[in-house]
Protein backbone atom coordinates (compact mmCIF):
# COMPACT_ATOMS: atom_id res chain seq x y z
CA MET A 1 106.80 213.60 51.86
CA THR A 2 104.58 214.44 54.06
CA GLU A 3 105.20 216.73 57.03
CA PRO A 4 104.75 214.74 60.39
CA LEU A 5 101.59 215.22 62.51
CA LEU A 6 102.66 214.39 65.50
CA SER A 7 106.77 214.57 65.89
CA ILE A 8 108.43 212.42 68.99
CA GLU A 9 111.63 213.79 70.21
CA GLY A 10 113.89 211.86 73.00
CA LEU A 11 110.82 210.43 74.79
CA THR A 12 111.73 208.26 78.57
CA LYS A 13 109.92 207.60 80.91
CA ALA A 14 111.51 205.59 84.26
CA TYR A 15 109.78 203.64 86.90
CA PRO A 16 111.43 202.68 90.03
CA GLY A 17 113.79 199.36 88.81
CA VAL A 18 112.74 199.84 84.84
CA VAL A 19 113.09 201.89 82.68
CA ALA A 20 109.99 201.83 79.91
CA ASN A 21 111.18 203.84 77.44
CA GLU A 22 114.64 205.56 76.74
CA ASP A 23 115.14 208.00 73.98
CA VAL A 24 112.38 207.29 72.11
CA SER A 25 112.34 209.20 68.90
CA PHE A 26 109.94 208.94 65.38
CA ASP A 27 107.40 211.00 63.32
CA ILE A 28 103.60 209.82 62.41
CA ARG A 29 102.39 211.96 59.37
CA ALA A 30 98.97 212.68 58.45
CA GLY A 31 96.78 210.09 56.41
CA GLU A 32 99.19 207.34 57.42
CA VAL A 33 98.76 204.29 59.17
CA HIS A 34 101.78 204.05 61.42
CA ALA A 35 102.19 200.68 63.05
CA LEU A 36 104.10 200.36 66.59
CA LEU A 37 105.38 197.19 67.01
CA GLY A 38 107.01 195.30 70.35
CA GLU A 39 106.50 192.27 72.64
CA ASN A 40 105.33 192.63 75.84
CA GLY A 41 107.82 194.73 78.49
CA ALA A 42 108.66 196.68 74.95
CA GLY A 43 107.21 199.83 76.27
CA LYS A 44 104.38 200.22 73.49
CA SER A 45 101.73 201.00 76.18
CA THR A 46 103.86 203.44 78.17
CA LEU A 47 104.19 205.27 74.83
CA VAL A 48 100.93 205.81 73.57
CA LYS A 49 99.99 207.18 77.36
CA MET A 50 102.31 209.58 77.28
CA ILE A 51 101.03 210.34 74.05
CA TYR A 52 97.55 210.39 75.39
CA GLY A 53 98.28 212.20 78.31
CA LEU A 54 97.98 209.84 81.06
CA VAL A 55 101.53 209.70 81.70
CA LYS A 56 104.14 212.54 82.07
CA PRO A 57 107.43 211.93 80.72
CA ASP A 58 110.69 212.59 82.22
CA SER A 59 112.37 213.89 79.14
CA GLY A 60 111.92 214.79 75.54
CA THR A 61 109.21 216.90 73.37
CA MET A 62 106.36 216.00 71.47
CA HIS A 63 105.28 218.52 68.54
CA LEU A 64 101.48 218.09 67.36
CA HIS A 65 100.97 220.15 63.72
CA GLY A 66 104.16 221.52 64.75
CA SER A 67 103.35 223.16 67.81
CA PRO A 68 104.64 222.14 71.59
CA PHE A 69 102.08 219.05 72.55
CA THR A 70 102.31 218.40 76.81
CA PRO A 71 98.95 216.70 77.51
CA SER A 72 98.54 216.75 81.10
CA GLU A 73 95.63 214.41 80.96
CA PRO A 74 93.40 212.30 78.11
CA SER A 75 90.98 215.38 77.74
CA ASP A 76 93.74 218.04 76.85
CA ALA A 77 94.81 215.18 74.41
CA ARG A 78 91.34 214.90 73.26
CA ARG A 79 90.87 218.83 72.58
CA GLN A 80 93.92 218.71 70.67
CA GLY A 81 92.88 216.21 68.25
CA VAL A 82 94.22 213.16 69.69
CA ALA A 83 91.92 209.87 70.39
CA MET A 84 92.54 206.45 71.54
CA VAL A 85 90.34 203.09 71.11
CA PHE A 86 92.12 200.80 74.00
CA GLN A 87 92.01 197.00 73.69
CA HIS A 88 89.58 196.31 76.83
CA PHE A 89 86.65 198.19 75.97
CA SER A 90 85.07 200.91 78.61
CA LEU A 91 81.43 200.18 78.16
CA PHE A 92 78.50 199.36 80.61
CA ASP A 93 76.44 196.80 79.70
CA ALA A 94 72.92 197.76 81.01
CA LEU A 95 73.13 201.38 79.11
CA THR A 96 72.43 202.17 75.89
CA VAL A 97 75.19 202.77 72.72
CA ALA A 98 74.14 206.47 72.95
CA GLU A 99 74.24 206.19 76.91
CA ASN A 100 77.54 205.16 76.97
CA VAL A 101 78.89 207.55 73.92
CA ALA A 102 77.69 210.39 76.17
CA LEU A 103 79.46 209.50 79.07
CA GLY A 104 82.68 209.58 77.16
CA MET A 105 82.13 213.46 76.13
CA GLU A 106 82.96 216.36 78.14
CA THR A 107 79.36 218.21 76.96
CA PRO A 108 77.14 215.68 75.51
CA PRO A 109 74.37 217.10 73.56
CA PRO A 110 70.55 216.16 74.14
CA MET A 111 70.49 212.52 73.56
CA ARG A 112 68.19 212.88 70.65
CA THR A 113 70.80 214.81 68.83
CA LEU A 114 73.35 212.56 69.48
CA ALA A 115 71.13 209.63 68.46
CA ALA A 116 71.24 210.96 64.82
CA ARG A 117 75.05 212.05 65.41
CA ILE A 118 76.13 208.52 66.13
CA ARG A 119 73.72 207.26 63.35
CA GLU A 120 75.10 209.43 60.73
CA VAL A 121 78.70 208.97 61.57
CA SER A 122 78.80 205.34 62.13
CA GLU A 123 76.98 205.11 58.35
CA THR A 124 79.47 207.28 56.54
CA TYR A 125 82.23 205.20 58.20
CA GLY A 126 80.60 201.86 57.37
CA LEU A 127 80.12 200.86 61.04
CA PRO A 128 76.56 201.10 61.44
CA LEU A 129 75.09 201.34 64.94
CA ASP A 130 71.95 201.62 66.58
CA PRO A 131 71.79 203.78 69.35
CA THR A 132 69.24 202.87 71.12
CA ARG A 133 70.74 199.13 71.55
CA THR A 134 71.89 198.24 74.79
CA VAL A 135 75.20 197.32 74.86
CA GLY A 136 75.06 193.86 76.42
CA ASP A 137 72.49 193.02 73.76
CA LEU A 138 75.82 193.35 71.35
CA SER A 139 78.48 191.47 69.86
CA ALA A 140 82.24 191.86 70.79
CA GLY A 141 82.29 193.46 67.00
CA GLU A 142 79.64 195.44 67.60
CA ARG A 143 80.93 196.81 70.93
CA GLN A 144 84.20 197.95 69.49
CA ARG A 145 82.13 199.85 66.70
CA VAL A 146 80.87 201.85 69.75
CA GLU A 147 84.30 202.94 70.63
CA ILE A 148 85.17 204.07 67.49
CA ILE A 149 82.59 205.74 66.81
CA ARG A 150 82.55 207.49 70.65
CA CYS A 151 86.25 208.83 68.81
CA LEU A 152 85.21 209.61 65.98
CA LEU A 153 82.38 212.00 67.08
CA GLN A 154 85.80 213.72 68.37
CA GLU A 155 87.22 214.26 64.59
CA PRO A 156 90.39 213.81 65.79
CA ARG A 157 93.55 213.69 64.09
CA LEU A 158 95.36 211.09 65.30
CA LEU A 159 93.73 208.21 66.26
CA ILE A 160 95.95 205.10 68.89
CA MET A 161 94.34 201.97 67.97
CA ASP A 162 95.27 199.26 70.36
CA GLU A 163 95.57 195.58 69.43
CA PRO A 164 92.18 196.59 67.35
CA THR A 165 91.00 193.08 65.33
CA SER A 166 91.51 190.82 68.50
CA VAL A 167 88.09 190.80 68.79
CA LEU A 168 87.11 190.17 65.25
CA THR A 169 85.81 188.13 62.60
CA PRO A 170 87.67 188.03 59.46
CA GLN A 171 84.80 190.00 57.54
CA GLU A 172 84.80 192.07 60.35
CA VAL A 173 88.52 192.82 59.61
CA ALA A 174 87.76 193.78 56.15
CA ILE A 175 85.38 196.03 57.21
CA LEU A 176 87.52 197.81 60.07
CA PHE A 177 90.47 197.89 57.33
CA GLU A 178 87.88 200.38 54.77
CA THR A 179 87.04 202.59 57.78
CA LEU A 180 90.43 203.31 58.28
CA ARG A 181 91.56 203.77 54.59
CA LYS A 182 88.99 206.20 54.53
CA LEU A 183 89.81 207.96 57.75
CA THR A 184 93.43 208.37 56.28
CA SER A 185 92.09 209.45 52.92
CA GLU A 186 90.76 212.15 54.85
CA GLY A 187 93.89 213.23 56.52
CA VAL A 188 93.87 211.38 59.54
CA ALA A 189 96.67 209.51 61.25
CA ILE A 190 95.80 206.25 62.88
CA LEU A 191 98.81 204.98 65.34
CA TYR A 192 98.22 200.75 65.02
CA ILE A 193 99.53 198.70 67.75
CA SER A 194 98.99 194.74 66.85
CA HIS A 195 100.63 191.60 67.61
CA LYS A 196 99.63 190.20 64.08
CA LEU A 197 102.12 191.15 61.64
CA GLU A 198 100.45 190.21 57.86
CA GLU A 199 97.46 192.58 59.04
CA ILE A 200 100.28 195.07 59.94
CA ARG A 201 102.11 194.50 56.40
CA THR A 202 98.45 194.32 55.04
CA LEU A 203 97.28 197.40 56.51
CA CYS A 204 100.59 199.65 57.81
CA ASP A 205 102.24 202.35 55.75
CA ARG A 206 105.36 202.27 57.97
CA ALA A 207 106.15 200.69 61.27
CA THR A 208 108.50 201.29 64.35
CA VAL A 209 109.64 198.63 66.41
CA LEU A 210 110.49 198.94 70.02
CA ARG A 211 112.55 196.32 72.21
CA ARG A 212 113.39 196.85 75.89
CA GLY A 213 112.30 200.35 75.80
CA ARG A 214 113.75 201.51 72.88
CA ASN A 215 113.26 202.46 69.02
CA VAL A 216 115.16 199.93 67.09
CA GLY A 217 114.10 200.58 63.52
CA THR A 218 111.32 202.09 61.31
CA CYS A 219 110.27 200.21 58.22
CA ASP A 220 108.10 199.48 55.13
CA PRO A 221 105.87 196.80 56.33
CA ALA A 222 104.76 195.62 52.73
CA GLN A 223 108.43 194.96 51.92
CA THR A 224 109.34 193.33 55.37
CA THR A 225 108.72 190.05 56.12
CA ALA A 226 106.26 188.75 59.38
CA GLN A 227 109.57 187.44 60.01
CA ALA A 228 111.59 189.74 59.65
CA MET A 229 109.74 192.04 61.99
CA ALA A 230 109.49 189.36 64.51
CA GLU A 231 112.99 188.84 64.75
CA MET A 232 113.70 192.90 65.06
CA MET A 233 110.82 192.48 67.49
CA VAL A 234 112.53 189.63 69.79
CA GLY A 235 116.57 190.77 68.99
CA SER A 236 117.27 187.38 67.33
CA ALA A 237 116.36 184.61 64.88
CA PHE A 238 114.09 182.12 66.01
CA ALA A 239 112.62 178.85 64.09
CA THR A 240 109.21 178.66 62.68
CA PRO A 241 107.16 175.79 64.66
CA ALA A 242 106.98 172.51 62.33
CA ARG A 243 104.20 169.64 62.65
CA ARG A 244 106.00 165.85 62.19
CA ASP A 245 103.17 163.77 60.09
CA THR A 246 101.44 161.61 62.29
CA SER A 247 97.93 160.02 61.93
CA PRO A 248 95.31 160.53 64.45
CA GLY A 249 94.49 157.39 67.18
CA LYS A 250 91.96 156.46 69.34
CA ALA A 251 88.92 158.29 70.40
CA ARG A 252 90.11 160.26 73.99
CA LEU A 253 87.72 162.49 74.58
CA THR A 254 83.98 162.83 74.03
CA LEU A 255 81.66 165.46 74.14
CA ASP A 256 78.02 164.31 73.00
CA ALA A 257 75.05 167.11 72.89
CA LEU A 258 76.75 168.67 76.04
CA SER A 259 74.88 171.58 77.36
CA VAL A 260 75.92 173.57 79.73
CA ARG A 261 74.51 177.12 81.96
CA ALA A 262 77.07 180.20 82.16
CA PRO A 263 78.17 180.28 85.93
CA SER A 264 77.63 184.23 85.02
CA ALA A 265 74.79 186.62 83.88
CA PHE A 266 77.21 188.11 81.42
CA GLY A 267 78.50 184.43 79.96
CA THR A 268 77.40 182.09 77.63
CA SER A 269 75.59 178.94 77.77
CA LEU A 270 76.70 175.81 75.75
CA LYS A 271 74.09 174.47 73.50
CA ASP A 272 74.60 171.03 72.60
CA VAL A 273 78.31 170.79 71.97
CA SER A 274 79.45 167.82 70.26
CA LEU A 275 83.36 166.79 69.35
CA THR A 276 85.55 163.94 69.55
CA LEU A 277 89.36 164.66 69.99
CA HIS A 278 91.89 161.72 68.92
CA ALA A 279 95.23 161.04 70.42
CA GLY A 280 97.98 162.59 68.39
CA GLU A 281 95.78 165.56 66.80
CA ILE A 282 95.55 169.33 67.81
CA LEU A 283 91.81 169.91 67.56
CA GLY A 284 91.34 174.29 67.28
CA ILE A 285 88.54 175.97 68.38
CA GLY A 286 88.42 179.87 66.95
CA GLY A 287 85.60 182.15 67.58
CA VAL A 288 85.55 185.79 68.91
CA ALA A 289 85.57 186.34 72.84
CA GLY A 290 82.37 185.64 75.13
CA ASN A 291 80.76 182.89 72.54
CA GLY A 292 81.62 179.86 75.54
CA GLN A 293 85.27 179.55 75.58
CA ASP A 294 85.66 179.80 78.99
CA GLU A 295 82.64 177.82 79.73
CA LEU A 296 83.77 175.28 77.44
CA LEU A 297 87.12 174.59 79.13
CA ALA A 298 85.71 175.12 82.59
CA ALA A 299 82.93 171.91 81.48
CA LEU A 300 86.24 170.25 80.59
CA SER A 301 88.60 170.71 83.14
CA GLY A 302 86.03 169.70 86.15
CA GLU A 303 84.83 173.83 86.97
CA LEU A 304 81.54 172.63 86.03
CA PRO A 305 79.88 169.86 86.39
CA VAL A 306 78.08 168.55 83.51
CA PRO A 307 75.65 166.19 83.09
CA GLN A 308 76.91 162.61 83.60
CA GLY A 309 76.77 161.19 80.05
CA ALA A 310 77.73 164.55 77.92
CA LEU A 311 81.35 164.20 78.55
CA ARG A 312 83.77 160.87 78.20
CA LEU A 313 87.34 160.31 78.43
CA ASP A 314 87.94 157.37 76.62
CA ASP A 315 85.26 155.05 77.84
CA THR A 316 84.95 156.97 81.07
CA PRO A 317 82.20 159.36 82.04
CA ILE A 318 83.58 161.93 83.71
CA GLY A 319 80.78 164.75 83.76
CA ARG A 320 80.60 164.62 87.87
CA LEU A 321 84.19 164.51 88.80
CA PRO A 322 86.12 167.37 89.87
CA PRO A 323 89.29 168.63 88.54
CA GLN A 324 91.70 166.55 90.91
CA ALA A 325 90.26 163.37 89.87
CA ARG A 326 90.59 163.94 86.06
CA ARG A 327 94.32 164.89 86.64
CA ASP A 328 94.55 161.48 88.01
CA LEU A 329 93.29 160.30 84.75
CA GLY A 330 95.36 162.08 82.33
CA LEU A 331 92.87 164.89 81.59
CA PHE A 332 94.91 168.91 82.03
CA ALA A 333 93.68 172.29 81.17
CA ALA A 334 94.67 175.69 81.34
CA PRO A 335 92.73 178.51 81.72
CA GLU A 336 92.83 182.13 79.90
CA GLU A 337 93.09 183.57 83.06
CA ARG A 338 96.59 183.09 84.02
CA LEU A 339 96.81 185.35 87.21
CA GLY A 340 93.90 184.40 89.70
CA HIS A 341 92.77 181.54 88.05
CA ALA A 342 95.67 179.24 86.77
CA ALA A 343 97.69 180.22 89.38
CA ALA A 344 97.90 181.81 93.12
CA PRO A 345 99.47 185.73 92.99
CA GLU A 346 100.41 185.76 96.30
CA MET A 347 102.14 181.82 96.56
CA SER A 348 105.92 181.29 94.98
CA LEU A 349 106.35 179.30 91.96
CA THR A 350 106.99 176.34 93.72
CA GLU A 351 103.76 176.30 95.74
CA ASN A 352 102.01 177.27 92.50
CA THR A 353 103.44 173.79 90.84
CA LEU A 354 101.53 171.94 93.64
CA LEU A 355 98.13 173.34 92.46
CA THR A 356 98.02 170.87 89.07
CA GLY A 357 100.90 168.78 90.26
CA ALA A 358 100.62 167.14 93.48
CA THR A 359 99.66 164.16 92.61
CA LYS A 360 100.91 163.38 89.30
CA GLN A 361 104.87 164.37 90.34
CA ASN A 362 104.50 162.65 93.40
CA LEU A 363 104.57 166.32 95.27
CA SER A 364 103.01 165.53 98.46
CA ASN A 365 102.53 162.20 100.29
CA ARG A 366 99.58 161.73 102.97
CA GLY A 367 98.98 165.34 102.72
CA PHE A 368 102.67 166.57 103.54
CA LEU A 369 104.41 168.38 100.91
CA HIS A 370 107.89 167.22 99.14
CA TRP A 371 109.67 170.28 99.19
CA PRO A 372 112.56 170.28 97.43
CA ARG A 373 111.13 167.49 95.14
CA ALA A 374 108.39 170.56 94.12
CA GLN A 375 111.24 173.06 93.58
CA GLY A 376 113.08 170.62 91.37
CA PHE A 377 109.65 170.98 89.40
CA ALA A 378 109.14 174.19 89.62
CA GLU A 379 113.17 175.05 88.48
CA LYS A 380 112.52 171.97 85.72
CA VAL A 381 109.56 174.29 84.23
CA ILE A 382 111.75 177.32 84.52
CA ALA A 383 114.33 176.32 82.76
CA ALA A 384 112.41 174.21 80.01
CA PHE A 385 110.02 177.43 79.23
CA ASP A 386 112.34 179.71 79.43
CA VAL A 387 110.45 181.66 82.53
CA ARG A 388 112.30 185.01 83.50
CA THR A 389 112.55 184.89 86.88
CA PRO A 390 115.22 185.24 89.66
CA GLY A 391 113.88 181.52 91.16
CA PRO A 392 111.40 179.38 91.92
CA ASN A 393 110.48 180.77 95.36
CA THR A 394 109.63 184.05 93.59
CA ALA A 395 105.64 184.85 93.73
CA VAL A 396 104.01 184.52 90.64
CA ARG A 397 102.33 188.14 91.29
CA ALA A 398 106.17 189.43 90.49
CA LEU A 399 106.07 187.93 87.14
CA SER A 400 105.36 190.02 83.60
CA GLY A 401 102.40 188.89 81.92
CA GLY A 402 104.38 186.70 79.33
CA ASN A 403 106.84 184.63 81.84
CA LEU A 404 103.39 183.93 83.70
CA GLN A 405 101.61 182.54 80.57
CA LYS A 406 105.24 180.16 79.85
CA PHE A 407 105.13 179.47 83.43
CA VAL A 408 101.70 178.19 83.63
CA ILE A 409 101.82 176.50 79.81
CA GLY A 410 104.91 174.99 80.81
CA ARG A 411 103.17 173.60 84.43
CA GLU A 412 100.69 171.99 82.45
CA MET A 413 102.60 170.22 79.33
CA ALA A 414 105.50 169.51 82.00
CA HIS A 415 102.94 166.52 83.50
CA ASP A 416 103.10 164.62 80.03
CA PRO A 417 99.25 164.80 80.12
CA GLU A 418 97.41 162.51 77.72
CA VAL A 419 94.52 164.87 77.27
CA LEU A 420 95.24 168.66 77.43
CA ILE A 421 92.77 171.56 77.17
CA VAL A 422 94.42 175.07 76.80
CA ASN A 423 92.93 178.20 76.49
CA GLN A 424 95.23 181.36 74.65
CA PRO A 425 98.44 179.37 75.06
CA THR A 426 100.31 182.32 73.58
CA TRP A 427 98.16 185.28 74.75
CA GLY A 428 100.90 188.41 76.07
CA VAL A 429 104.26 186.55 75.15
CA ASP A 430 106.50 187.47 72.32
CA ALA A 431 107.31 185.64 69.01
CA ALA A 432 110.07 183.96 69.77
CA ALA A 433 108.01 182.14 72.62
CA ALA A 434 105.27 181.94 71.28
CA ALA A 435 107.16 179.33 68.50
CA PHE A 436 108.27 177.62 71.05
CA ILE A 437 105.25 177.19 73.08
CA ARG A 438 103.31 175.97 69.45
CA GLN A 439 106.22 174.03 68.55
CA ALA A 440 106.09 172.35 72.21
CA LEU A 441 102.34 171.78 71.78
CA MET A 442 103.06 169.92 68.19
CA ASP A 443 105.76 168.18 69.71
CA LEU A 444 103.31 167.22 72.72
CA ALA A 445 100.72 165.81 70.04
CA ALA A 446 103.24 163.74 68.11
CA LYS A 447 103.95 161.86 71.22
CA GLY A 448 100.07 160.73 71.16
CA ALA A 449 98.80 163.22 73.08
CA ALA A 450 94.91 164.39 72.35
CA ILE A 451 95.36 168.40 72.40
CA LEU A 452 92.26 171.09 72.28
CA VAL A 453 93.57 174.32 72.00
CA ILE A 454 91.24 177.69 72.06
CA SER A 455 92.00 180.64 70.90
CA GLN A 456 91.19 184.14 68.99
CA ASP A 457 94.46 184.27 67.21
CA LEU A 458 93.18 182.42 63.75
CA ASP A 459 96.72 182.31 62.41
CA GLU A 460 97.74 180.34 65.54
CA LEU A 461 95.02 177.97 65.01
CA MET A 462 95.60 177.33 61.45
CA GLN A 463 98.84 176.81 61.95
CA ILE A 464 99.13 174.10 64.25
CA SER A 465 95.64 172.50 64.32
CA ASP A 466 94.62 169.07 62.42
CA ARG A 467 91.35 170.23 62.75
CA PHE A 468 88.78 173.34 63.17
CA ALA A 469 85.72 174.32 64.74
CA ALA A 470 84.69 177.82 65.83
CA LEU A 471 81.87 178.32 68.46
CA ASN A 472 79.30 181.23 68.15
CA ALA A 473 76.89 181.69 71.18
CA GLY A 474 77.64 178.72 72.87
CA CYS A 475 77.12 176.58 69.67
CA LEU A 476 79.99 174.95 68.03
CA SER A 477 80.30 174.86 64.13
CA ASP A 478 80.72 171.77 62.22
CA ILE A 479 84.30 170.46 62.51
CA HIS A 480 86.52 170.64 59.07
CA PRO A 481 90.31 169.78 58.33
CA THR A 482 92.06 172.84 59.00
CA ALA A 483 93.93 172.63 55.55
CA ALA A 484 90.85 172.91 53.36
CA LEU A 485 89.52 176.04 55.02
CA THR A 486 90.01 179.18 53.56
CA THR A 487 89.90 182.72 55.18
CA GLU A 488 86.75 183.46 53.96
CA GLN A 489 85.34 180.34 55.55
CA VAL A 490 86.63 180.42 58.93
CA GLY A 491 85.29 183.94 59.24
CA LEU A 492 81.25 182.73 58.59
CA MET A 493 82.21 179.93 60.85
CA MET A 494 82.81 182.19 63.76
CA GLY A 495 79.78 184.19 62.83
CA GLY A 496 77.30 181.21 63.07
CA ALA A 497 77.00 180.18 59.84
CA HIS A 498 76.03 176.39 59.15
CA ASP A 499 76.27 173.66 56.49
CA MET A 500 79.14 175.11 53.85
CA GLU A 501 80.75 173.25 51.46
CA VAL A 502 84.26 172.57 52.57
CA ALA A 503 86.78 171.14 49.94
CA HIS A 504 88.11 167.45 51.20
CA VAL A 505 91.63 167.11 51.55
């Protein structure tokens, strides 16, 4: 058995009112990919921050190469051979690849030397990059390469990766895995954080599971089912979502060559997007982040006006109708950004129910709010979707990300919408909550609702959608029955491929 590269003994970190990590112990060996699993709030982020020198533990010890390891800041951790690729990129769009890499170095070499080194390392590890390209012109996958190469230039012995495949196509995931295997063959240890359990089973040698700040066990992912790992994470069994057989009904929502200019210079304009959404079906829209998903939801919800003939609800043109008028007609939407977009942070849960339910739930009359009715509706959502909160008068900003997610999705679904558009429905929630939300979406479709789900989680879309399409650079692929698609075909669609041969089912 290989000696541990990093040993963690009894790490504890507490904040006012919460213990983030409690007596956590485990080790990471040289040359292995070690998964760190746990749901939102389990303590993963705090733990890796202690390893990377961003947070100081209250108690416990760490040893790197057998010597005490107490990084006082990230630069200290990097000097000792620890590097980290964060989930959210820290890159400047207006700068080149080489300039962004230089910003992350203590003493960068001359730009020509650095550019040559970037080319050499990127080609060695199968992640080719042009150091002269402007980052703003790169795809999400290419931007991640910049972050990885920036770390590899430090020649780390331990590489921490946080949700590294969340912005990648299946083909890009395969390339990344080859790179990680090459690194481990050279003795580099990788601490791999991901919620994609099948990826964990494919890639990782061991997995340590955190629950409520404590280490509840280490397992061999290849010998453990995804369901078993998910149940270790949440501490209980839960049912896998099951779809009821239904036949799609009449067309409810129709997009006809919809083109919309992005409101932001860094957004993605929609180009000739056409689709028909039927009653009783779930249409899944996949794609790497930043390919027009936010703009599509905004155009459908009414936040972005569109040409009058390009969008119809049943036979009614709705392209110029504002969001409330569309809700009055039965079309509801839940955007990806929950805090500040879908919910007002300083308002209570009760007050936030009024944002989309004032008319549908009869929560106001001639401008006067019916407070008991609004509070009752908030309590209904809290109970139905297991939102962990002291009560309906709690401010939204006090909720964890996962609980806010459940509240926003639950609020829109509680209106019994005829058409529901939702972006990233299970982002940030635990496995049991994700299964519950997916089942609720399928149950809503079985009752006749037309549902469009925009998601970066391909496993989610493959599980719940009847038909699938992909957004790439603001263009929508052809729509195919989900059951007829392979993972390779989905990846090609996400990459912009057209005219594929797809089996009929």
